[in-house]
PDB file of all heavy atoms in Angstrom:
ATOM      1  N   ALA A   1       7.849 -11.361 -11.666  1.00  0.00           N
ATOM      2  CA  ALA A   1       7.635 -10.023 -12.087  1.00  0.00           C
ATOM      3  C   ALA A   1       6.166  -9.691 -12.091  1.00  0.00           C
ATOM      4  O   ALA A   1       5.785  -8.475 -11.739  1.00  0.00           O
ATOM      5  CB  ALA A   1       8.229  -9.744 -13.456  1.00  0.00           C
ATOM      6  N   SER A   2       5.290 -10.693 -12.494  1.00  0.00           N
ATOM      7  CA  SER A   2       3.866 -10.299 -12.338  1.00  0.00           C
ATOM      8  C   SER A   2       3.473  -9.979 -10.988  1.00  0.00           C
ATOM      9  O   SER A   2       2.586  -9.123 -10.708  1.00  0.00           O
ATOM     10  CB  SER A   2       3.181 -11.539 -12.918  1.00  0.00           C
ATOM     11  OG  SER A   2       3.267 -11.702 -14.242  1.00  0.00           O
ATOM     12  N   LEU A   3       3.968 -10.867  -9.987  1.00  0.00           N
ATOM     13  CA  LEU A   3       3.380 -10.650  -8.591  1.00  0.00           C
ATOM     14  C   LEU A   3       4.047  -9.345  -8.068  1.00  0.00           C
ATOM     15  O   LEU A   3       3.398  -8.531  -7.376  1.00  0.00           O
ATOM     16  CB  LEU A   3       3.934 -11.732  -7.739  1.00  0.00           C
ATOM     17  CG  LEU A   3       2.814 -12.840  -7.800  1.00  0.00           C
ATOM     18  CD1 LEU A   3       2.907 -13.811  -8.927  1.00  0.00           C
ATOM     19  CD2 LEU A   3       2.797 -13.724  -6.421  1.00  0.00           C
ATOM     20  N   LEU A   4       5.311  -9.048  -8.473  1.00  0.00           N
ATOM     21  CA  LEU A   4       6.007  -7.843  -7.924  1.00  0.00           C
ATOM     22  C   LEU A   4       5.251  -6.556  -8.539  1.00  0.00           C
ATOM     23  O   LEU A   4       4.958  -5.589  -7.789  1.00  0.00           O
ATOM     24  CB  LEU A   4       7.427  -7.796  -8.427  1.00  0.00           C
ATOM     25  CG  LEU A   4       8.355  -8.767  -7.678  1.00  0.00           C
ATOM     26  CD1 LEU A   4       9.727  -8.813  -8.317  1.00  0.00           C
ATOM     27  CD2 LEU A   4       8.567  -8.319  -6.177  1.00  0.00           C
ATOM     28  N   ALA A   5       4.894  -6.610  -9.788  1.00  0.00           N
ATOM     29  CA  ALA A   5       4.187  -5.443 -10.372  1.00  0.00           C
ATOM     30  C   ALA A   5       2.785  -5.184  -9.853  1.00  0.00           C
ATOM     31  O   ALA A   5       2.304  -4.151  -9.975  1.00  0.00           O
ATOM     32  CB  ALA A   5       4.197  -5.700 -11.924  1.00  0.00           C
ATOM     33  N   GLU A   6       2.226  -6.231  -9.215  1.00  0.00           N
ATOM     34  CA  GLU A   6       0.922  -6.162  -8.691  1.00  0.00           C
ATOM     35  C   GLU A   6       0.982  -5.755  -7.251  1.00  0.00           C
ATOM     36  O   GLU A   6      -0.094  -5.754  -6.566  1.00  0.00           O
ATOM     37  CB  GLU A   6       0.020  -7.365  -8.952  1.00  0.00           C
ATOM     38  CG  GLU A   6      -0.252  -7.648 -10.429  1.00  0.00           C
ATOM     39  CD  GLU A   6      -1.021  -8.868 -10.577  1.00  0.00           C
ATOM     40  OE1 GLU A   6      -1.836  -9.241  -9.790  1.00  0.00           O
ATOM     41  OE2 GLU A   6      -0.842  -9.455 -11.713  1.00  0.00           O
ATOM     42  N   GLY A   7       2.090  -5.583  -6.649  1.00  0.00           N
ATOM     43  CA  GLY A   7       2.316  -5.302  -5.271  1.00  0.00           C
ATOM     44  C   GLY A   7       2.005  -6.469  -4.363  1.00  0.00           C
ATOM     45  O   GLY A   7       1.612  -6.217  -3.231  1.00  0.00           O
ATOM     46  N   LEU A   8       2.269  -7.641  -4.821  1.00  0.00           N
ATOM     47  CA  LEU A   8       1.967  -8.822  -4.014  1.00  0.00           C
ATOM     48  C   LEU A   8       3.241  -9.502  -3.366  1.00  0.00           C
ATOM     49  O   LEU A   8       3.043 -10.570  -2.830  1.00  0.00           O
ATOM     50  CB  LEU A   8       1.152  -9.827  -4.843  1.00  0.00           C
ATOM     51  CG  LEU A   8      -0.282  -9.309  -5.385  1.00  0.00           C
ATOM     52  CD1 LEU A   8      -0.938 -10.340  -6.214  1.00  0.00           C
ATOM     53  CD2 LEU A   8      -1.013  -8.956  -4.196  1.00  0.00           C
ATOM     54  N   GLY A   9       4.301  -8.867  -3.535  1.00  0.00           N
ATOM     55  CA  GLY A   9       5.456  -9.427  -2.934  1.00  0.00           C
ATOM     56  C   GLY A   9       6.510  -8.315  -2.991  1.00  0.00           C
ATOM     57  O   GLY A   9       6.482  -7.279  -3.594  1.00  0.00           O
ATOM     58  N   TYR A  10       7.659  -8.604  -2.404  1.00  0.00           N
ATOM     59  CA  TYR A  10       8.836  -7.748  -2.162  1.00  0.00           C
ATOM     60  C   TYR A  10       9.942  -8.276  -3.116  1.00  0.00           C
ATOM     61  O   TYR A  10      10.194  -9.402  -3.180  1.00  0.00           O
ATOM     62  CB  TYR A  10       9.252  -7.579  -0.749  1.00  0.00           C
ATOM     63  CG  TYR A  10       8.231  -7.057   0.120  1.00  0.00           C
ATOM     64  CD1 TYR A  10       7.661  -7.795   1.123  1.00  0.00           C
ATOM     65  CD2 TYR A  10       8.017  -5.693   0.106  1.00  0.00           C
ATOM     66  CE1 TYR A  10       6.692  -7.311   1.985  1.00  0.00           C
ATOM     67  CE2 TYR A  10       7.004  -5.226   0.956  1.00  0.00           C
ATOM     68  CZ  TYR A  10       6.427  -5.920   1.931  1.00  0.00           C
ATOM     69  OH  TYR A  10       5.509  -5.502   2.708  1.00  0.00           O
ATOM     70  N   PHE A  11      10.622  -7.309  -3.711  1.00  0.00           N
ATOM     71  CA  PHE A  11      11.932  -7.733  -4.548  1.00  0.00           C
ATOM     72  C   PHE A  11      12.952  -8.029  -3.513  1.00  0.00           C
ATOM     73  O   PHE A  11      13.202  -7.339  -2.573  1.00  0.00           O
ATOM     74  CB  PHE A  11      12.218  -6.455  -5.361  1.00  0.00           C
ATOM     75  CG  PHE A  11      13.683  -6.562  -5.850  1.00  0.00           C
ATOM     76  CD1 PHE A  11      14.051  -7.415  -6.910  1.00  0.00           C
ATOM     77  CD2 PHE A  11      14.583  -5.707  -5.233  1.00  0.00           C
ATOM     78  CE1 PHE A  11      15.433  -7.387  -7.161  1.00  0.00           C
ATOM     79  CE2 PHE A  11      15.951  -5.693  -5.648  1.00  0.00           C
ATOM     80  CZ  PHE A  11      16.247  -6.551  -6.574  1.00  0.00           C
ATOM     81  N   VAL A  12      13.646  -9.150  -3.845  1.00  0.00           N
ATOM     82  CA  VAL A  12      14.854  -9.525  -3.021  1.00  0.00           C
ATOM     83  C   VAL A  12      15.820 -10.004  -4.143  1.00  0.00           C
ATOM     84  O   VAL A  12      15.534 -10.513  -5.165  1.00  0.00           O
ATOM     85  CB  VAL A  12      14.562 -10.590  -1.909  1.00  0.00           C
ATOM     86  CG1 VAL A  12      13.720 -10.046  -0.991  1.00  0.00           C
ATOM     87  CG2 VAL A  12      13.959 -11.924  -2.592  1.00  0.00           C
ATOM     88  N   VAL A  13      17.079  -9.954  -3.689  1.00  0.00           N
ATOM     89  CA  VAL A  13      18.155 -10.505  -4.456  1.00  0.00           C
ATOM     90  C   VAL A  13      19.367 -10.944  -3.638  1.00  0.00           C
ATOM     91  O   VAL A  13      19.785 -10.199  -2.730  1.00  0.00           O
ATOM     92  CB  VAL A  13      18.610  -9.512  -5.576  1.00  0.00           C
ATOM     93  CG1 VAL A  13      19.187  -8.268  -4.952  1.00  0.00           C
ATOM     94  CG2 VAL A  13      19.796 -10.108  -6.405  1.00  0.00           C
ATOM     95  N   VAL A  14      19.724 -12.271  -3.780  1.00  0.00           N
ATOM     96  CA  VAL A  14      20.751 -12.847  -2.973  1.00  0.00           C
ATOM     97  C   VAL A  14      21.760 -13.376  -3.983  1.00  0.00           C
ATOM     98  O   VAL A  14      21.467 -14.181  -4.803  1.00  0.00           O
ATOM     99  CB  VAL A  14      20.216 -13.850  -2.106  1.00  0.00           C
ATOM    100  CG1 VAL A  14      21.479 -14.483  -1.278  1.00  0.00           C
ATOM    101  CG2 VAL A  14      19.216 -13.344  -1.037  1.00  0.00           C
ATOM    102  N   ARG A  15      22.927 -12.925  -3.942  1.00  0.00           N
ATOM    103  CA  ARG A  15      24.038 -13.412  -4.902  1.00  0.00           C
ATOM    104  C   ARG A  15      24.314 -14.885  -4.686  1.00  0.00           C
ATOM    105  O   ARG A  15      24.153 -15.354  -3.555  1.00  0.00           O
ATOM    106  CB  ARG A  15      25.302 -12.575  -4.588  1.00  0.00           C
ATOM    107  CG  ARG A  15      25.339 -11.120  -4.964  1.00  0.00           C
ATOM    108  CD  ARG A  15      26.602 -10.455  -4.703  1.00  0.00           C
ATOM    109  NE  ARG A  15      27.734 -10.999  -5.569  1.00  0.00           N
ATOM    110  CZ  ARG A  15      28.901 -11.199  -5.289  1.00  0.00           C
ATOM    111  NH1 ARG A  15      29.376 -10.819  -4.052  1.00  0.00           N
ATOM    112  NH2 ARG A  15      29.824 -11.680  -6.102  1.00  0.00           N
ATOM    113  N   PRO A  16      24.523 -15.606  -5.705  1.00  0.00           N
ATOM    114  CA  PRO A  16      24.792 -15.131  -7.027  1.00  0.00           C
ATOM    115  C   PRO A  16      23.583 -15.108  -8.012  1.00  0.00           C
ATOM    116  O   PRO A  16      23.768 -14.973  -9.153  1.00  0.00           O
ATOM    117  CB  PRO A  16      25.878 -16.151  -7.587  1.00  0.00           C
ATOM    118  CG  PRO A  16      25.324 -17.510  -6.939  1.00  0.00           C
ATOM    119  CD  PRO A  16      24.830 -17.046  -5.545  1.00  0.00           C
ATOM    120  N   ASN A  17      22.405 -15.253  -7.405  1.00  0.00           N
ATOM    121  CA  ASN A  17      21.157 -15.435  -8.338  1.00  0.00           C
ATOM    122  C   ASN A  17      20.662 -13.955  -8.616  1.00  0.00           C
ATOM    123  O   ASN A  17      19.560 -13.657  -7.960  1.00  0.00           O
ATOM    124  CB  ASN A  17      20.145 -16.312  -7.638  1.00  0.00           C
ATOM    125  CG  ASN A  17      20.600 -17.719  -7.504  1.00  0.00           C
ATOM    126  OD1 ASN A  17      21.526 -18.113  -8.185  1.00  0.00           O
ATOM    127  ND2 ASN A  17      19.956 -18.408  -6.565  1.00  0.00           N
ATOM    128  N   ALA A  18      21.268 -13.288  -9.389  1.00  0.00           N
ATOM    129  CA  ALA A  18      20.925 -11.886  -9.682  1.00  0.00           C
ATOM    130  C   ALA A  18      20.706 -11.545 -11.202  1.00  0.00           C
ATOM    131  O   ALA A  18      20.658 -10.444 -11.535  1.00  0.00           O
ATOM    132  CB  ALA A  18      22.089 -10.937  -9.194  1.00  0.00           C
ATOM    133  N   ALA A  19      20.380 -12.576 -11.893  1.00  0.00           N
ATOM    134  CA  ALA A  19      20.198 -12.448 -13.431  1.00  0.00           C
ATOM    135  C   ALA A  19      19.150 -11.492 -13.750  1.00  0.00           C
ATOM    136  O   ALA A  19      19.135 -10.691 -14.773  1.00  0.00           O
ATOM    137  CB  ALA A  19      20.007 -13.810 -14.058  1.00  0.00           C
ATOM    138  N   LEU A  20      17.990 -11.490 -12.977  1.00  0.00           N
ATOM    139  CA  LEU A  20      16.824 -10.585 -13.292  1.00  0.00           C
ATOM    140  C   LEU A  20      16.639  -9.524 -12.280  1.00  0.00           C
ATOM    141  O   LEU A  20      15.566  -8.944 -12.226  1.00  0.00           O
ATOM    142  CB  LEU A  20      15.563 -11.493 -13.430  1.00  0.00           C
ATOM    143  CG  LEU A  20      15.528 -12.540 -14.467  1.00  0.00           C
ATOM    144  CD1 LEU A  20      14.107 -13.181 -14.553  1.00  0.00           C
ATOM    145  CD2 LEU A  20      15.781 -11.877 -15.943  1.00  0.00           C
ATOM    146  N   ALA A  21      17.682  -9.240 -11.545  1.00  0.00           N
ATOM    147  CA  ALA A  21      17.553  -8.276 -10.405  1.00  0.00           C
ATOM    148  C   ALA A  21      17.037  -6.892 -10.877  1.00  0.00           C
ATOM    149  O   ALA A  21      16.125  -6.294 -10.296  1.00  0.00           O
ATOM    150  CB  ALA A  21      18.858  -8.148  -9.684  1.00  0.00           C
ATOM    151  N   ALA A  22      17.661  -6.398 -11.966  1.00  0.00           N
ATOM    152  CA  ALA A  22      17.353  -5.066 -12.348  1.00  0.00           C
ATOM    153  C   ALA A  22      15.734  -5.062 -12.941  1.00  0.00           C
ATOM    154  O   ALA A  22      15.042  -4.112 -12.581  1.00  0.00           O
ATOM    155  CB  ALA A  22      18.225  -4.509 -13.545  1.00  0.00           C
ATOM    156  N   CYS A  23      15.438  -5.982 -13.500  1.00  0.00           N
ATOM    157  CA  CYS A  23      14.012  -6.180 -14.049  1.00  0.00           C
ATOM    158  C   CYS A  23      13.069  -6.323 -12.947  1.00  0.00           C
ATOM    159  O   CYS A  23      12.055  -5.695 -12.992  1.00  0.00           O
ATOM    160  CB  CYS A  23      13.929  -7.305 -15.086  1.00  0.00           C
ATOM    161  SG  CYS A  23      12.331  -7.550 -15.716  1.00  0.00           S
ATOM    162  N   HIS A  24      13.390  -7.041 -11.987  1.00  0.00           N
ATOM    163  CA  HIS A  24      12.406  -7.318 -10.858  1.00  0.00           C
ATOM    164  C   HIS A  24      12.301  -6.046  -9.938  1.00  0.00           C
ATOM    165  O   HIS A  24      11.323  -5.764  -9.507  1.00  0.00           O
ATOM    166  CB  HIS A  24      12.993  -8.520  -9.964  1.00  0.00           C
ATOM    167  CG  HIS A  24      12.698  -9.866 -10.546  1.00  0.00           C
ATOM    168  ND1 HIS A  24      13.255 -11.005 -10.108  1.00  0.00           N
ATOM    169  CD2 HIS A  24      11.871 -10.210 -11.518  1.00  0.00           C
ATOM    170  CE1 HIS A  24      12.884 -12.011 -10.786  1.00  0.00           C
ATOM    171  NE2 HIS A  24      11.980 -11.595 -11.702  1.00  0.00           N
ATOM    172  N   LEU A  25      13.473  -5.312  -9.876  1.00  0.00           N
ATOM    173  CA  LEU A  25      13.347  -4.101  -9.102  1.00  0.00           C
ATOM    174  C   LEU A  25      12.529  -3.064  -9.754  1.00  0.00           C
ATOM    175  O   LEU A  25      11.691  -2.316  -9.142  1.00  0.00           O
ATOM    176  CB  LEU A  25      14.807  -3.480  -8.777  1.00  0.00           C
ATOM    177  CG  LEU A  25      14.849  -2.186  -8.157  1.00  0.00           C
ATOM    178  CD1 LEU A  25      14.318  -2.313  -6.743  1.00  0.00           C
ATOM    179  CD2 LEU A  25      16.389  -1.769  -8.159  1.00  0.00           C
ATOM    180  N   LEU A  26      12.578  -3.025 -11.052  1.00  0.00           N
ATOM    181  CA  LEU A  26      11.702  -2.060 -11.803  1.00  0.00           C
ATOM    182  C   LEU A  26      10.331  -2.489 -11.711  1.00  0.00           C
ATOM    183  O   LEU A  26       9.322  -1.631 -11.615  1.00  0.00           O
ATOM    184  CB  LEU A  26      12.186  -2.100 -13.296  1.00  0.00           C
ATOM    185  CG  LEU A  26      11.325  -1.081 -14.278  1.00  0.00           C
ATOM    186  CD1 LEU A  26      11.429   0.340 -13.695  1.00  0.00           C
ATOM    187  CD2 LEU A  26      11.901  -1.217 -15.662  1.00  0.00           C
ATOM    188  N   ALA A  27       9.934  -3.759 -11.696  1.00  0.00           N
ATOM    189  CA  ALA A  27       8.550  -4.268 -11.516  1.00  0.00           C
ATOM    190  C   ALA A  27       8.076  -3.867 -10.175  1.00  0.00           C
ATOM    191  O   ALA A  27       6.946  -3.340 -10.014  1.00  0.00           O
ATOM    192  CB  ALA A  27       8.551  -5.810 -11.667  1.00  0.00           C
ATOM    193  N   GLU A  28       8.844  -4.004  -9.154  1.00  0.00           N
ATOM    194  CA  GLU A  28       8.404  -3.558  -7.836  1.00  0.00           C
ATOM    195  C   GLU A  28       8.213  -2.060  -7.717  1.00  0.00           C
ATOM    196  O   GLU A  28       7.256  -1.574  -7.130  1.00  0.00           O
ATOM    197  CB  GLU A  28       9.456  -3.978  -6.754  1.00  0.00           C
ATOM    198  CG  GLU A  28       8.873  -3.618  -5.278  1.00  0.00           C
ATOM    199  CD  GLU A  28      10.032  -3.723  -4.353  1.00  0.00           C
ATOM    200  OE1 GLU A  28      10.811  -2.733  -4.440  1.00  0.00           O
ATOM    201  OE2 GLU A  28      10.116  -4.544  -3.502  1.00  0.00           O
ATOM    202  N   ARG A  29       9.134  -1.327  -8.294  1.00  0.00           N
ATOM    203  CA  ARG A  29       9.072   0.082  -8.308  1.00  0.00           C
ATOM    204  C   ARG A  29       7.802   0.611  -8.918  1.00  0.00           C
ATOM    205  O   ARG A  29       7.255   1.647  -8.499  1.00  0.00           O
ATOM    206  CB  ARG A  29      10.345   0.674  -9.081  1.00  0.00           C
ATOM    207  CG  ARG A  29      10.462   2.158  -8.907  1.00  0.00           C
ATOM    208  CD  ARG A  29      11.790   2.639  -9.536  1.00  0.00           C
ATOM    209  NE  ARG A  29      12.908   2.091  -8.809  1.00  0.00           N
ATOM    210  CZ  ARG A  29      14.087   1.978  -9.182  1.00  0.00           C
ATOM    211  NH1 ARG A  29      14.310   2.402 -10.517  1.00  0.00           N
ATOM    212  NH2 ARG A  29      15.060   1.492  -8.540  1.00  0.00           N
ATOM    213  N   SER A  30       7.316  -0.044 -10.026  1.00  0.00           N
ATOM    214  CA  SER A  30       6.027   0.404 -10.658  1.00  0.00           C
ATOM    215  C   SER A  30       4.879   0.264  -9.665  1.00  0.00           C
ATOM    216  O   SER A  30       4.010   1.128  -9.645  1.00  0.00           O
ATOM    217  CB  SER A  30       5.938  -0.361 -11.972  1.00  0.00           C
ATOM    218  OG  SER A  30       5.594  -1.803 -11.610  1.00  0.00           O
ATOM    219  N   ALA A  31       4.890  -0.855  -8.936  1.00  0.00           N
ATOM    220  CA  ALA A  31       3.857  -1.135  -7.993  1.00  0.00           C
ATOM    221  C   ALA A  31       3.993  -0.189  -6.811  1.00  0.00           C
ATOM    222  O   ALA A  31       2.937   0.401  -6.201  1.00  0.00           O
ATOM    223  CB  ALA A  31       3.886  -2.568  -7.450  1.00  0.00           C
ATOM    224  N   ARG A  32       5.110   0.196  -6.421  1.00  0.00           N
ATOM    225  CA  ARG A  32       5.393   1.159  -5.253  1.00  0.00           C
ATOM    226  C   ARG A  32       4.900   2.515  -5.619  1.00  0.00           C
ATOM    227  O   ARG A  32       4.220   3.117  -4.866  1.00  0.00           O
ATOM    228  CB  ARG A  32       6.853   1.123  -4.894  1.00  0.00           C
ATOM    229  CG  ARG A  32       7.203   1.808  -3.708  1.00  0.00           C
ATOM    230  CD  ARG A  32       8.621   1.624  -3.264  1.00  0.00           C
ATOM    231  NE  ARG A  32       8.963   2.200  -1.962  1.00  0.00           N
ATOM    232  CZ  ARG A  32      10.072   1.947  -1.359  1.00  0.00           C
ATOM    233  NH1 ARG A  32      10.962   1.087  -1.793  1.00  0.00           N
ATOM    234  NH2 ARG A  32      10.363   2.545  -0.132  1.00  0.00           N
ATOM    235  N   GLU A  33       5.305   2.890  -6.898  1.00  0.00           N
ATOM    236  CA  GLU A  33       4.888   4.317  -7.271  1.00  0.00           C
ATOM    237  C   GLU A  33       3.361   4.440  -7.531  1.00  0.00           C
ATOM    238  O   GLU A  33       2.784   5.462  -7.246  1.00  0.00           O
ATOM    239  CB  GLU A  33       5.555   4.630  -8.546  1.00  0.00           C
ATOM    240  CG  GLU A  33       7.147   4.791  -8.460  1.00  0.00           C
ATOM    241  CD  GLU A  33       7.832   5.102  -9.684  1.00  0.00           C
ATOM    242  OE1 GLU A  33       7.193   4.999 -10.744  1.00  0.00           O
ATOM    243  OE2 GLU A  33       9.005   5.422  -9.627  1.00  0.00           O
ATOM    244  N   ALA A  34       2.711   3.299  -7.814  1.00  0.00           N
ATOM    245  CA  ALA A  34       1.299   3.220  -8.026  1.00  0.00           C
ATOM    246  C   ALA A  34       0.504   2.994  -6.818  1.00  0.00           C
ATOM    247  O   ALA A  34      -0.808   2.928  -6.771  1.00  0.00           O
ATOM    248  CB  ALA A  34       0.908   2.339  -9.158  1.00  0.00           C
ATOM    249  N   ARG A  35       1.192   2.665  -5.686  1.00  0.00           N
ATOM    250  CA  ARG A  35       0.667   2.226  -4.506  1.00  0.00           C
ATOM    251  C   ARG A  35      -0.290   1.132  -4.563  1.00  0.00           C
ATOM    252  O   ARG A  35      -1.467   1.073  -4.064  1.00  0.00           O
ATOM    253  CB  ARG A  35      -0.038   3.412  -3.755  1.00  0.00           C
ATOM    254  CG  ARG A  35       0.916   4.547  -3.302  1.00  0.00           C
ATOM    255  CD  ARG A  35       0.301   5.709  -2.594  1.00  0.00           C
ATOM    256  NE  ARG A  35       1.231   6.737  -2.170  1.00  0.00           N
ATOM    257  CZ  ARG A  35       1.052   7.718  -1.565  1.00  0.00           C
ATOM    258  NH1 ARG A  35      -0.175   7.901  -0.932  1.00  0.00           N
ATOM    259  NH2 ARG A  35       2.010   8.600  -1.166  1.00  0.00           N
ATOM    260  N   LEU A  36       0.167   0.016  -5.111  1.00  0.00           N
ATOM    261  CA  LEU A  36      -0.617  -1.156  -5.427  1.00  0.00           C
ATOM    262  C   LEU A  36      -0.292  -2.132  -4.336  1.00  0.00           C
ATOM    263  O   LEU A  36       0.767  -2.226  -3.802  1.00  0.00           O
ATOM    264  CB  LEU A  36      -0.285  -1.785  -6.672  1.00  0.00           C
ATOM    265  CG  LEU A  36      -0.514  -1.031  -7.934  1.00  0.00           C
ATOM    266  CD1 LEU A  36      -0.146  -1.721  -9.223  1.00  0.00           C
ATOM    267  CD2 LEU A  36      -2.001  -0.554  -8.083  1.00  0.00           C
ATOM    268  N   GLY A  37      -1.290  -2.971  -3.903  1.00  0.00           N
ATOM    269  CA  GLY A  37      -1.104  -4.101  -2.949  1.00  0.00           C
ATOM    270  C   GLY A  37      -0.467  -3.560  -1.611  1.00  0.00           C
ATOM    271  O   GLY A  37      -0.906  -2.835  -0.855  1.00  0.00           O
ATOM    272  N   LEU A  38       0.713  -4.288  -1.467  1.00  0.00           N
ATOM    273  CA  LEU A  38       1.515  -4.007  -0.169  1.00  0.00           C
ATOM    274  C   LEU A  38       1.930  -2.523   0.011  1.00  0.00           C
ATOM    275  O   LEU A  38       2.300  -2.174   1.074  1.00  0.00           O
ATOM    276  CB  LEU A  38       2.746  -4.931  -0.132  1.00  0.00           C
ATOM    277  CG  LEU A  38       2.551  -6.347  -0.073  1.00  0.00           C
ATOM    278  CD1 LEU A  38       3.792  -7.125  -0.524  1.00  0.00           C
ATOM    279  CD2 LEU A  38       2.295  -6.794   1.365  1.00  0.00           C
ATOM    280  N   TRP A  39       1.908  -1.825  -1.176  1.00  0.00           N
ATOM    281  CA  TRP A  39       2.419  -0.457  -1.135  1.00  0.00           C
ATOM    282  C   TRP A  39       1.336   0.550  -0.896  1.00  0.00           C
ATOM    283  O   TRP A  39       1.542   1.794  -0.906  1.00  0.00           O
ATOM    284  CB  TRP A  39       3.221  -0.183  -2.426  1.00  0.00           C
ATOM    285  CG  TRP A  39       4.324  -1.048  -2.689  1.00  0.00           C
ATOM    286  CD1 TRP A  39       4.235  -2.129  -3.448  1.00  0.00           C
ATOM    287  CD2 TRP A  39       5.576  -1.042  -1.930  1.00  0.00           C
ATOM    288  NE1 TRP A  39       5.517  -2.810  -3.386  1.00  0.00           N
ATOM    289  CE2 TRP A  39       6.319  -2.228  -2.514  1.00  0.00           C
ATOM    290  CE3 TRP A  39       6.170  -0.247  -0.977  1.00  0.00           C
ATOM    291  CZ2 TRP A  39       7.625  -2.575  -2.044  1.00  0.00           C
ATOM    292  CZ3 TRP A  39       7.493  -0.489  -0.610  1.00  0.00           C
ATOM    293  CH2 TRP A  39       8.122  -1.563  -1.090  1.00  0.00           C
ATOM    294  N   ARG A  40       0.048   0.093  -0.667  1.00  0.00           N
ATOM    295  CA  ARG A  40      -0.908   1.136  -0.427  1.00  0.00           C
ATOM    296  C   ARG A  40      -0.655   1.876   0.874  1.00  0.00           C
ATOM    297  O   ARG A  40      -0.900   3.018   0.912  1.00  0.00           O
ATOM    298  CB  ARG A  40      -2.315   0.337  -0.105  1.00  0.00           C
ATOM    299  CG  ARG A  40      -2.920  -0.285  -1.344  1.00  0.00           C
ATOM    300  CD  ARG A  40      -4.158  -1.126  -1.083  1.00  0.00           C
ATOM    301  NE  ARG A  40      -4.610  -1.773  -2.192  1.00  0.00           N
ATOM    302  CZ  ARG A  40      -5.629  -2.724  -2.187  1.00  0.00           C
ATOM    303  NH1 ARG A  40      -6.323  -2.969  -1.056  1.00  0.00           N
ATOM    304  NH2 ARG A  40      -6.092  -3.322  -3.259  1.00  0.00           N
ATOM    305  N   GLN A  41      -0.064   1.188   1.870  1.00  0.00           N
ATOM    306  CA  GLN A  41       0.543   1.849   3.018  1.00  0.00           C
ATOM    307  C   GLN A  41       1.926   1.443   3.093  1.00  0.00           C
ATOM    308  O   GLN A  41       2.259   0.250   2.942  1.00  0.00           O
ATOM    309  CB  GLN A  41      -0.196   1.530   4.264  1.00  0.00           C
ATOM    310  CG  GLN A  41      -1.677   1.959   4.354  1.00  0.00           C
ATOM    311  CD  GLN A  41      -2.373   1.717   5.625  1.00  0.00           C
ATOM    312  OE1 GLN A  41      -2.017   0.668   6.345  1.00  0.00           O
ATOM    313  NE2 GLN A  41      -3.274   2.475   6.049  1.00  0.00           N
ATOM    314  N   SER A  42       2.855   2.400   3.271  1.00  0.00           N
ATOM    315  CA  SER A  42       4.307   2.083   3.228  1.00  0.00           C
ATOM    316  C   SER A  42       4.637   1.047   4.315  1.00  0.00           C
ATOM    317  O   SER A  42       4.291   1.137   5.484  1.00  0.00           O
ATOM    318  CB  SER A  42       5.100   3.355   3.517  1.00  0.00           C
ATOM    319  OG  SER A  42       6.447   2.986   3.586  1.00  0.00           O
ATOM    320  N   PRO A  43       5.270  -0.095   3.864  1.00  0.00           N
ATOM    321  CA  PRO A  43       5.693  -1.141   4.756  1.00  0.00           C
ATOM    322  C   PRO A  43       7.084  -0.910   5.339  1.00  0.00           C
ATOM    323  O   PRO A  43       7.503  -1.608   6.101  1.00  0.00           O
ATOM    324  CB  PRO A  43       5.753  -2.372   3.879  1.00  0.00           C
ATOM    325  CG  PRO A  43       6.220  -1.845   2.485  1.00  0.00           C
ATOM    326  CD  PRO A  43       5.482  -0.434   2.367  1.00  0.00           C
ATOM    327  N   VAL A  44       7.677   0.218   4.952  1.00  0.00           N
ATOM    328  CA  VAL A  44       8.899   0.582   5.498  1.00  0.00           C
ATOM    329  C   VAL A  44       8.953   1.017   6.955  1.00  0.00           C
ATOM    330  O   VAL A  44       8.042   1.943   7.237  1.00  0.00           O
ATOM    331  CB  VAL A  44       9.581   1.639   4.713  1.00  0.00           C
ATOM    332  CG1 VAL A  44      11.035   1.984   5.144  1.00  0.00           C
ATOM    333  CG2 VAL A  44       9.700   1.292   3.178  1.00  0.00           C
ATOM    334  N   GLN A  45       9.657   0.404   7.858  1.00  0.00           N
ATOM    335  CA  GLN A  45       9.586   0.817   9.184  1.00  0.00           C
ATOM    336  C   GLN A  45      10.931   1.400   9.649  1.00  0.00           C
ATOM    337  O   GLN A  45      11.946   1.085   9.135  1.00  0.00           O
ATOM    338  CB  GLN A  45       9.248  -0.365  10.050  1.00  0.00           C
ATOM    339  CG  GLN A  45      10.190  -1.581  10.016  1.00  0.00           C
ATOM    340  CD  GLN A  45       9.813  -2.665  11.010  1.00  0.00           C
ATOM    341  OE1 GLN A  45       9.406  -3.769  10.451  1.00  0.00           O
ATOM    342  NE2 GLN A  45       9.941  -2.444  12.312  1.00  0.00           N
ATOM    343  N   SER A  46      10.907   2.194  10.756  1.00  0.00           N
ATOM    344  CA  SER A  46      12.127   2.697  11.317  1.00  0.00           C
ATOM    345  C   SER A  46      12.953   1.672  11.879  1.00  0.00           C
ATOM    346  O   SER A  46      12.511   0.717  12.540  1.00  0.00           O
ATOM    347  CB  SER A  46      11.715   3.822  12.402  1.00  0.00           C
ATOM    348  OG  SER A  46      12.854   4.204  13.131  1.00  0.00           O
TER     349      SER A  46
END
């Protein structure tokens, strides 16, 4: 969660290992909204 919240990685979830999925997604979302790290420029491609 620390790395996700700092924009230093991407959130991923592969079943069945989903115990912290909601929390990790929120951590990434905070970095994405603040445009931290990887999110300074959108990494989403067509």
